[in-house]
Protein backbone atom coordinates (compact mmCIF):
# COMPACT_ATOMS: atom_id res chain seq x y z
CA MET A 1 14.38 -2.57 217.97
CA CYS A 2 13.44 -6.24 217.92
CA ILE A 3 13.10 -8.23 214.68
CA SER A 4 10.69 -11.15 214.61
CA ILE A 5 11.62 -14.45 212.99
CA ASN A 6 9.17 -13.77 210.18
CA GLU A 7 10.82 -10.39 209.57
CA PHE A 8 14.23 -12.11 209.64
CA ARG A 9 13.04 -14.65 206.99
CA VAL A 10 11.80 -11.81 204.78
CA LEU A 11 15.11 -9.96 205.11
CA ARG A 12 16.97 -13.13 204.15
CA THR A 13 14.73 -13.46 201.06
CA LEU A 14 15.31 -9.86 200.08
CA SER A 15 19.06 -10.03 200.64
CA ASP A 16 19.62 -10.71 196.91
CA GLY A 17 18.67 -7.09 196.27
CA GLU A 18 15.85 -8.03 193.87
CA GLN A 19 12.20 -7.09 194.19
CA HIS A 20 9.92 -9.68 195.69
CA ASP A 21 6.17 -9.97 195.94
CA LYS A 22 5.77 -13.59 197.13
CA ALA A 23 6.01 -14.98 200.65
CA PRO A 24 9.16 -17.07 201.35
CA LYS A 25 8.83 -20.73 202.16
CA GLY A 26 7.22 -21.24 205.57
CA LEU A 27 5.23 -17.98 205.65
CA THR A 28 1.65 -17.47 204.72
CA ASP A 29 0.57 -14.42 202.63
CA ALA A 30 -0.78 -12.81 205.78
CA GLN A 31 2.47 -13.32 207.75
CA PHE A 32 4.44 -12.01 204.81
CA CYS A 33 2.17 -8.95 204.59
CA ILE A 34 2.64 -8.09 208.29
CA ALA A 35 6.37 -8.68 208.19
CA VAL A 36 6.80 -6.47 205.13
CA GLN A 37 4.71 -3.70 206.66
CA LEU A 38 6.72 -3.83 209.89
CA LEU A 39 10.06 -3.81 208.05
CA LYS A 40 8.90 -0.86 205.96
CA GLN A 41 7.81 0.99 209.11
CA LYS A 42 11.30 0.34 210.54
CA ASN A 43 12.73 1.84 207.32
CA LEU A 44 14.66 -1.33 206.48
CA ILE A 45 13.02 -2.08 203.10
CA TYR A 46 11.15 -0.44 200.23
CA ALA A 47 7.61 -1.80 199.76
CA ALA A 48 4.44 -1.14 197.81
CA PHE A 49 1.01 -2.65 198.43
CA LYS A 50 -2.27 -3.09 196.58
CA GLU A 51 -5.55 -1.99 198.05
CA GLY A 52 -6.35 -4.54 200.77
CA GLY A 53 -2.72 -4.90 201.83
CA LYS A 54 -1.32 -7.43 199.34
CA VAL A 55 2.43 -6.92 198.76
CA VAL A 56 3.17 -5.72 195.19
CA SER A 57 6.91 -5.37 195.60
CA SER A 58 9.55 -5.31 198.40
CA GLN A 59 13.26 -4.63 198.28
CA ILE A 60 15.92 -4.38 200.98
CA LYS A 61 17.59 -1.03 201.90
CA MET A 62 21.20 -0.60 203.03
CA ALA A 63 19.90 -0.23 206.62
CA GLY A 64 18.08 -3.56 206.19
CA SER A 65 21.26 -5.20 204.89
CA ALA A 66 23.13 -3.94 207.91
CA VAL A 67 20.56 -5.26 210.32
CA LEU A 68 20.52 -8.63 208.46
CA ASP A 69 24.32 -8.93 208.79
CA ASP A 70 24.01 -8.20 212.54
CA LEU A 71 21.29 -10.84 212.91
CA LYS A 72 23.30 -13.41 211.03
CA GLU A 73 26.28 -12.88 213.34
CA GLN A 74 24.05 -13.16 216.39
CA GLU A 75 22.44 -16.29 214.89
CA LYS A 76 25.85 -17.94 214.60
CA VAL A 77 26.68 -17.22 218.24
CA ILE A 78 23.29 -18.48 219.46
CA LEU A 79 23.52 -21.61 217.22
CA ASN A 80 26.99 -22.47 218.61
CA HIS A 81 25.66 -21.98 222.17
CA VAL A 82 22.63 -24.30 221.52
CA LEU A 83 24.84 -26.97 219.86
CA CYS A 84 27.20 -26.86 222.85
CA GLU A 85 24.28 -27.23 225.25
CA LYS A 86 22.97 -30.26 223.32
CA ASN A 87 26.51 -31.68 222.93
CA ILE A 88 26.21 -31.67 219.12
CA ARG A 89 29.21 -31.01 216.85
CA GLY A 90 28.86 -28.29 214.27
CA CYS A 91 29.90 -30.71 211.47
CA ASP A 92 27.22 -33.20 212.61
CA TYR A 93 24.56 -30.47 212.53
CA LYS A 94 25.59 -29.53 208.97
CA ILE A 95 25.22 -33.16 207.81
CA LEU A 96 21.78 -33.45 209.40
CA LEU A 97 20.74 -30.13 207.92
CA ASP A 98 21.97 -31.15 204.44
CA LEU A 99 19.93 -34.37 204.69
CA LYS A 100 16.82 -32.40 205.81
CA ASN A 101 17.11 -30.08 202.84
CA ASN A 102 18.24 -32.57 200.17
CA GLY A 103 17.08 -35.94 201.42
CA SER A 104 19.71 -37.90 199.59
CA ASN A 105 23.48 -38.34 199.04
CA THR A 106 23.64 -34.85 197.45
CA PHE A 107 25.90 -33.47 200.21
CA SER A 108 27.50 -30.07 199.75
CA LYS A 109 31.13 -29.98 198.64
CA GLU A 110 32.15 -28.46 202.00
CA ILE A 111 30.74 -31.44 203.85
CA LYS A 112 32.02 -34.16 201.47
CA ASP A 113 35.53 -32.70 201.41
CA ASP A 114 35.78 -32.89 205.24
CA SER A 115 38.21 -35.72 206.08
CA SER A 116 36.04 -36.76 209.04
CA PHE A 117 32.79 -37.04 206.95
CA PHE A 118 32.48 -40.83 206.88
CA LYS A 119 33.44 -41.18 210.53
CA ARG A 120 30.82 -38.55 211.53
CA ILE A 121 28.01 -39.98 209.46
CA SER A 122 28.77 -43.47 210.83
CA LEU A 123 28.41 -42.08 214.39
CA LEU A 124 25.11 -40.37 213.38
CA ARG A 125 23.83 -43.76 212.12
CA ARG A 126 24.89 -45.32 215.39
CA ASP A 127 22.95 -42.66 217.31
CA LYS A 128 19.82 -43.33 215.17
CA MET A 129 19.96 -39.78 213.66
CA VAL A 130 20.53 -41.09 210.17
CA THR A 131 19.43 -44.20 208.29
CA TYR A 132 21.21 -45.95 205.43
CA SER A 133 19.98 -48.45 202.89
CA TYR A 134 20.69 -49.26 199.24
CA ASP A 135 23.47 -46.66 199.10
CA TYR A 136 21.04 -44.01 200.20
CA TYR A 137 21.28 -41.84 203.33
CA SER A 138 18.20 -40.29 204.87
CA LEU A 139 17.29 -38.29 207.96
CA ALA A 140 15.71 -40.43 210.71
CA ASP A 141 12.84 -39.12 212.78
CA LYS A 142 15.22 -38.61 215.75
CA GLY A 143 17.50 -36.51 213.60
CA TYR A 144 14.58 -34.47 212.24
CA GLU A 145 13.24 -33.78 215.73
CA LEU A 146 16.69 -32.68 216.87
CA ILE A 147 17.01 -30.12 214.02
CA LYS A 148 13.48 -28.78 214.75
CA ALA A 149 14.36 -28.38 218.43
CA ILE A 150 17.61 -26.53 217.61
CA GLU A 151 15.89 -24.23 215.10
CA TYR A 152 13.16 -23.46 217.62
CA GLU A 153 15.64 -22.48 220.35
CA VAL A 154 17.75 -20.37 218.00
CA ASN A 155 14.68 -18.55 216.62
CA GLU A 156 13.28 -17.92 220.11
CA ALA A 157 16.58 -16.45 221.35
CA LEU A 158 17.12 -14.40 218.20
CA SER A 159 13.66 -12.85 218.27
CA LYS A 160 14.41 -11.47 221.76
CA LYS A 161 17.61 -9.70 220.68
CA ASN A 162 17.48 -5.96 220.57
CA ILE A 163 19.00 -4.31 217.44
CA GLN A 164 20.20 -0.76 217.99
CA MET A 165 19.06 1.59 215.17
CA PRO A 166 19.54 5.36 215.78
CA GLY A 167 16.39 7.36 215.36
CA PHE A 168 14.06 4.32 215.24
CA ILE A 169 10.63 4.63 216.92
CA GLU A 170 8.60 1.42 217.49
CA PRO A 171 5.16 1.54 215.75
CA ASP A 172 2.33 2.22 218.20
CA ALA A 173 -0.53 -0.19 218.81
CA ASP A 174 -2.93 1.47 216.42
CA ILE A 175 -0.52 1.13 213.47
CA GLN A 176 0.19 -2.50 214.32
CA ASP A 177 -3.62 -3.18 214.51
CA SER A 178 -4.02 -1.69 210.99
CA PHE A 179 -1.20 -4.02 209.79
CA ALA A 180 -3.19 -6.98 211.23
CA ASP A 181 -6.40 -5.84 209.47
CA SER A 182 -4.57 -5.70 206.13
CA ALA A 183 -3.11 -9.14 206.75
CA ASN A 184 -6.61 -10.55 207.51
CA GLN A 185 -7.86 -9.19 204.16
CA VAL A 186 -4.93 -10.82 202.34
CA GLU A 187 -5.51 -14.08 204.18
CA GLN A 188 -9.25 -14.13 203.32
CA LYS A 189 -8.52 -13.46 199.65
CA SER A 190 -5.86 -16.15 199.54
CA LYS A 191 -8.27 -18.64 201.18
CA THR A 192 -10.97 -17.84 198.63
CA GLN A 193 -8.55 -18.54 195.75
CA SER A 194 -7.29 -21.79 197.32
CA ASP A 195 -10.78 -23.15 197.99
CA LYS A 196 -11.13 -23.99 194.30
CA THR A 197 -8.36 -26.58 194.52
CA SER A 198 -8.53 -27.52 198.20
CA ASP A 199 -10.19 -30.87 197.45
CA ILE A 200 -7.54 -32.22 195.08
CA CYS A 201 -5.32 -34.91 196.61
CA ILE A 202 -3.22 -37.91 195.56
CA LYS A 203 -5.34 -40.98 194.86
CA GLY A 204 -5.21 -43.80 197.40
CA GLY A 205 -2.48 -46.36 196.66
CA ARG A 206 -0.65 -43.90 194.36
CA LEU A 207 1.47 -42.04 196.94
CA SER A 208 4.56 -44.22 196.60
CA GLY A 209 4.49 -43.95 192.80
CA PHE A 210 4.09 -40.16 193.05
CA MET A 211 7.05 -39.95 195.41
CA LYS A 212 9.21 -42.05 193.04
CA VAL A 213 8.47 -39.73 190.12
CA ILE A 214 9.10 -36.53 192.08
CA LYS A 215 12.33 -37.97 193.44
CA ALA A 216 13.52 -38.87 189.93
CA MET A 217 12.57 -35.35 188.65
CA CYS A 218 14.60 -33.79 191.51
CA ASP A 219 17.63 -36.00 190.73
CA ALA A 220 17.31 -35.01 187.05
CA ASN A 221 17.33 -31.27 188.02
CA TYR A 222 13.84 -30.49 186.63
CA PHE A 223 13.33 -27.73 189.19
CA GLU A 224 15.13 -24.42 189.86
CA LYS A 225 14.43 -21.19 191.63
CA LYS A 226 13.26 -18.10 189.70
CA ASP A 227 16.72 -16.65 190.02
CA GLY A 228 18.29 -19.86 188.68
CA GLY A 229 19.47 -21.06 192.10
CA LYS A 230 19.53 -24.68 193.25
CA VAL A 231 16.37 -26.16 194.69
CA ASN A 232 16.56 -28.52 197.66
CA GLN A 233 14.68 -31.78 197.28
CA GLY A 234 13.10 -31.28 200.71
CA ASP A 235 11.63 -27.98 199.59
CA VAL A 236 10.07 -29.58 196.53
CA MET A 237 8.50 -32.31 198.67
CA ASP A 238 7.21 -29.69 201.17
CA LEU A 239 5.63 -27.85 198.23
CA MET A 240 3.95 -31.02 197.02
CA SER A 241 2.86 -31.82 200.57
CA GLU A 242 1.16 -28.49 200.83
CA ALA A 243 -0.34 -28.51 197.34
CA PHE A 244 -1.83 -32.05 197.70
CA HIS A 245 -2.63 -31.91 201.43
CA SER A 246 -0.39 -34.89 202.31
CA ASP A 247 1.64 -34.79 205.54
CA GLN A 248 3.45 -37.91 204.31
CA LEU A 249 5.25 -35.85 201.66
CA ASN A 250 6.68 -33.21 204.01
CA GLY A 251 10.33 -32.91 204.97
CA LYS A 252 9.84 -35.00 208.11
CA ASN A 253 8.31 -38.05 206.48
CA TYR A 254 9.01 -38.41 202.78
CA SER A 255 12.61 -39.51 202.97
CA SER A 256 12.01 -42.45 205.36
CA LEU A 257 8.80 -43.39 203.49
CA LEU A 258 10.65 -43.45 200.22
CA ASN A 259 13.25 -45.82 201.69
CA LYS A 260 10.50 -48.07 202.97
CA CYS A 261 8.90 -48.00 199.56
CA VAL A 262 12.16 -49.18 197.99
CA LYS A 263 12.52 -51.99 200.52
CA ALA A 264 8.92 -53.11 200.10
CA THR A 265 9.00 -53.14 196.28
CA GLU A 266 12.64 -53.88 195.46
CA ASN A 267 11.67 -56.03 192.48
CA THR A 268 8.90 -53.76 191.19
CA TYR A 269 10.29 -50.28 191.86
CA LEU A 270 10.43 -49.41 188.15
CA ASN A 271 6.81 -50.46 187.48
CA THR A 272 5.61 -46.88 188.02
CA PHE A 273 7.96 -45.58 185.31
CA VAL A 274 6.98 -48.47 182.94
CA GLU A 275 3.37 -47.51 183.38
CA LEU A 276 4.14 -43.82 182.72
CA GLU A 277 6.17 -44.78 179.64
CA GLY A 278 3.16 -46.68 178.28
CA LYS A 279 0.92 -43.64 178.95
CA ALA A 280 3.47 -41.35 177.28
CA GLU A 281 3.66 -43.61 174.23
CA THR A 282 -0.14 -43.63 173.92
CA PHE A 283 -0.26 -39.85 174.17
CA TYR A 284 2.49 -39.47 171.55
CA LYS A 285 0.63 -41.76 169.11
CA ALA A 286 -2.59 -39.78 169.66
CA CYS A 287 -0.73 -36.48 168.99
CA LEU A 288 0.93 -38.00 165.88
CA LYS A 289 -2.41 -39.19 164.56
CA ARG A 290 -3.95 -35.76 165.00
CA ALA A 291 -0.99 -34.14 163.27
CA ASN A 292 -1.24 -36.58 160.33
CA ASN A 293 -4.98 -35.93 160.09
CA LYS A 294 -4.39 -32.19 159.95
CA ASP A 295 -1.82 -32.74 157.17
CA ARG A 296 -4.33 -34.81 155.21
CA VAL A 297 -7.00 -32.14 155.59
CA PHE A 298 -4.51 -29.48 154.44
CA GLU A 299 -3.62 -31.62 151.39
CA LEU A 300 -7.33 -32.03 150.55
CA PHE A 301 -7.90 -28.28 150.75
CA LYS A 302 -4.89 -27.82 148.47
CA VAL A 303 -6.31 -30.24 145.87
CA VAL A 304 -9.69 -28.53 146.00
CA GLU A 305 -8.06 -25.11 145.49
CA GLU A 306 -6.01 -26.36 142.58
CA GLN A 307 -9.11 -27.93 140.91
CA ALA A 308 -11.08 -24.68 141.46
CA GLU A 309 -8.31 -22.63 139.80
CA SER A 310 -8.19 -25.02 136.80
């Protein structure tokens, strides 16, 4: 039995044992639908669907957990092989991956506690994998491309691995075609819903200000996962990139662009926040005025009632 990368991603998402009905990051609703149907056919998960194929719930089974553990072990072996081929140290890869996911100095404790951390990151800067300015590390384009190449090779090799499952029978072509039909229905419905907001984008000249605000919100821990888990800054930016149709906000570009923005406007970086503070103050005064007006109206009604009673 072979497990596709999309199925692997779904199993990872379901590994918390909870029920899920949303596609994990990086998968469309249609891809999620097909992966869930295939995993259910392989008896690795529980799943329920609406008419038309949309996933209502999905939850991992013990057999699915066993397959996931096997895949994780194989993934480690493959990753070590790829890193060895590319002459990349495991600790360097972890630093680059942390920067890709977080986009700032928020390195994990495991990485920061490594005695060789500063030496390794200095060498990564020398090799143009990482940039540094104003006490801020970010992933350079060369580092990002390296990570994407490593992930691609690992995923390709992993998807070709055969997992032994006693009693498993691969779905025939007709069943897989029906899965594809369901996925197409889900994709069309999703497209219809997204058409309503597909023309909303960030106004010209406002992208740098938008990035500053989102960065500040990430640093202030405004976001969390539904289960309360930590959210990576890169994931937030990818979400904004997709929502507002801006490639400049995705994980590859936003970090270096934010650094350039700081360099270009060193003396005016806070202007965006000053402008927002002014807007917030105006809004607060308007709300306060409306509240006071309501109080006055209430007092007038009270006076009228008292006069009527007397």
